[in-house]
Amino acid sequence: MVGRAAGRIGVMPGCGLAVANVGDLVAMTGVAEVHAACNAAAVGDPAFSDFDPAGGRKETSEDAVRGMVTALSG
């Protein structure tokens, strides 16, 4: 897909990406960018109103972001 796009559009894989697999995915596909949630369960009371989604609230994890950046930096 990346080859066929030939730089005309970006191919951005996501869903299920983690520190453990993102480096291999980039190496195998040649993508230049990825989409990753890098989230963790939110701790404590709801941040606002009574919002409480199924499976609990999530928030961006600084550790997950740092790990992803490190994995992508080689």
C-alpha atoms as a PDB file:
ATOM      1  CA  MET A   1       0.000   0.000   0.000  1.00  0.00           C
ATOM      2  CA  VAL A   2       2.818   2.392   0.867  1.00  0.00           C
ATOM      3  CA  GLY A   3       4.518   1.667  -2.471  1.00  0.00           C
ATOM      4  CA  ARG A   4       1.328   2.101  -4.422  1.00  0.00           C
ATOM      5  CA  ALA A   5       0.580   5.418  -2.706  1.00  0.00           C
ATOM      6  CA  ALA A   6       4.000   6.611  -3.896  1.00  0.00           C
ATOM      7  CA  GLY A   7       4.007   9.556  -1.512  1.00  0.00           C
ATOM      8  CA  ARG A   8       0.731  10.986  -2.837  1.00  0.00           C
ATOM      9  CA  ILE A   9      -1.033  10.126   0.407  1.00  0.00           C
ATOM     10  CA  GLY A  10       0.140   9.018   3.806  1.00  0.00           C
ATOM     11  CA  VAL A  11      -0.554   5.517   5.050  1.00  0.00           C
ATOM     12  CA  MET A  12      -0.934   5.627   8.829  1.00  0.00           C
ATOM     13  CA  PRO A  13      -1.477   2.264  10.515  1.00  0.00           C
ATOM     14  CA  GLY A  14      -2.993   2.144  13.971  1.00  0.00           C
ATOM     15  CA  CYS A  15      -5.064  -0.067  16.266  1.00  0.00           C
ATOM     16  CA  GLY A  16      -3.091  -2.374  18.499  1.00  0.00           C
ATOM     17  CA  LEU A  17       0.240  -0.627  18.130  1.00  0.00           C
ATOM     18  CA  ALA A  18       2.484  -0.824  21.171  1.00  0.00           C
ATOM     19  CA  VAL A  19       6.124  -0.327  22.066  1.00  0.00           C
ATOM     20  CA  ALA A  20       6.667  -4.057  21.520  1.00  0.00           C
ATOM     21  CA  ASN A  21       5.470  -4.103  17.904  1.00  0.00           C
ATOM     22  CA  VAL A  22       5.728  -0.630  16.381  1.00  0.00           C
ATOM     23  CA  GLY A  23       9.374  -0.934  15.308  1.00  0.00           C
ATOM     24  CA  ASP A  24       8.724  -4.177  13.443  1.00  0.00           C
ATOM     25  CA  LEU A  25       5.616  -2.742  11.785  1.00  0.00           C
ATOM     26  CA  VAL A  26       7.505   0.303  10.507  1.00  0.00           C
ATOM     27  CA  ALA A  27      10.383  -1.854   9.278  1.00  0.00           C
ATOM     28  CA  MET A  28       8.074  -4.290   7.485  1.00  0.00           C
ATOM     29  CA  THR A  29       5.784  -1.725   5.855  1.00  0.00           C
ATOM     30  CA  GLY A  30       7.929   1.341   5.285  1.00  0.00           C
ATOM     31  CA  VAL A  31       5.328   3.700   6.752  1.00  0.00           C
ATOM     32  CA  ALA A  32       6.574   7.099   7.830  1.00  0.00           C
ATOM     33  CA  GLU A  33       4.023   7.659  10.605  1.00  0.00           C
ATOM     34  CA  VAL A  34       1.739   5.687  12.896  1.00  0.00           C
ATOM     35  CA  HIS A  35      -1.335   6.294  15.041  1.00  0.00           C
ATOM     36  CA  ALA A  36      -1.256   4.942  18.576  1.00  0.00           C
ATOM     37  CA  ALA A  37      -3.452   5.647  21.595  1.00  0.00           C
ATOM     38  CA  CYS A  38      -0.641   5.364  24.157  1.00  0.00           C
ATOM     39  CA  ASN A  39      -3.245   5.355  26.896  1.00  0.00           C
ATOM     40  CA  ALA A  40      -3.700   3.876  30.317  1.00  0.00           C
ATOM     41  CA  ALA A  41      -6.581   3.541  32.734  1.00  0.00           C
ATOM     42  CA  ALA A  42      -7.421   6.857  34.411  1.00  0.00           C
ATOM     43  CA  VAL A  43      -7.203   6.751  38.169  1.00  0.00           C
ATOM     44  CA  GLY A  44      -9.528   8.593  40.515  1.00  0.00           C
ATOM     45  CA  ASP A  45     -12.809  10.400  40.117  1.00  0.00           C
ATOM     46  CA  PRO A  46     -14.232  11.302  36.719  1.00  0.00           C
ATOM     47  CA  ALA A  47     -12.440  14.348  35.332  1.00  0.00           C
ATOM     48  CA  PHE A  48     -15.717  16.088  34.476  1.00  0.00           C
ATOM     49  CA  SER A  49     -19.461  15.543  34.886  1.00  0.00           C
ATOM     50  CA  ASP A  50     -20.475  11.901  35.240  1.00  0.00           C
ATOM     51  CA  PHE A  51     -18.744  10.598  32.108  1.00  0.00           C
ATOM     52  CA  ASP A  52     -17.806   6.965  32.703  1.00  0.00           C
ATOM     53  CA  PRO A  53     -17.463   4.926  29.478  1.00  0.00           C
ATOM     54  CA  ALA A  54     -17.661   1.153  29.399  1.00  0.00           C
ATOM     55  CA  GLY A  55     -14.274  -0.259  30.353  1.00  0.00           C
ATOM     56  CA  GLY A  56     -13.414   2.872  32.332  1.00  0.00           C
ATOM     57  CA  ARG A  57     -11.830   6.167  31.435  1.00  0.00           C
ATOM     58  CA  LYS A  58      -8.456   6.311  29.689  1.00  0.00           C
ATOM     59  CA  GLU A  59      -5.842   9.042  29.598  1.00  0.00           C
ATOM     60  CA  THR A  60      -2.648   9.535  27.637  1.00  0.00           C
ATOM     61  CA  SER A  61       0.283   7.834  29.336  1.00  0.00           C
ATOM     62  CA  GLU A  62       3.506   9.823  29.269  1.00  0.00           C
ATOM     63  CA  ASP A  63       5.472   6.592  29.766  1.00  0.00           C
ATOM     64  CA  ALA A  64       3.734   4.960  26.788  1.00  0.00           C
ATOM     65  CA  VAL A  65       4.444   7.982  24.578  1.00  0.00           C
ATOM     66  CA  ARG A  66       8.101   8.052  25.623  1.00  0.00           C
ATOM     67  CA  GLY A  67       8.393   4.304  24.990  1.00  0.00           C
ATOM     68  CA  MET A  68       6.837   4.648  21.546  1.00  0.00           C
ATOM     69  CA  VAL A  69       9.178   7.513  20.626  1.00  0.00           C
ATOM     70  CA  THR A  70      12.173   5.488  21.813  1.00  0.00           C
ATOM     71  CA  ALA A  71      11.042   2.439  19.836  1.00  0.00           C
ATOM     72  CA  LEU A  72      10.632   4.537  16.684  1.00  0.00           C
ATOM     73  CA  SER A  73      13.964   6.297  17.152  1.00  0.00           C
ATOM     74  CA  GLY A  74      15.816   3.032  16.656  1.00  0.00           C
END
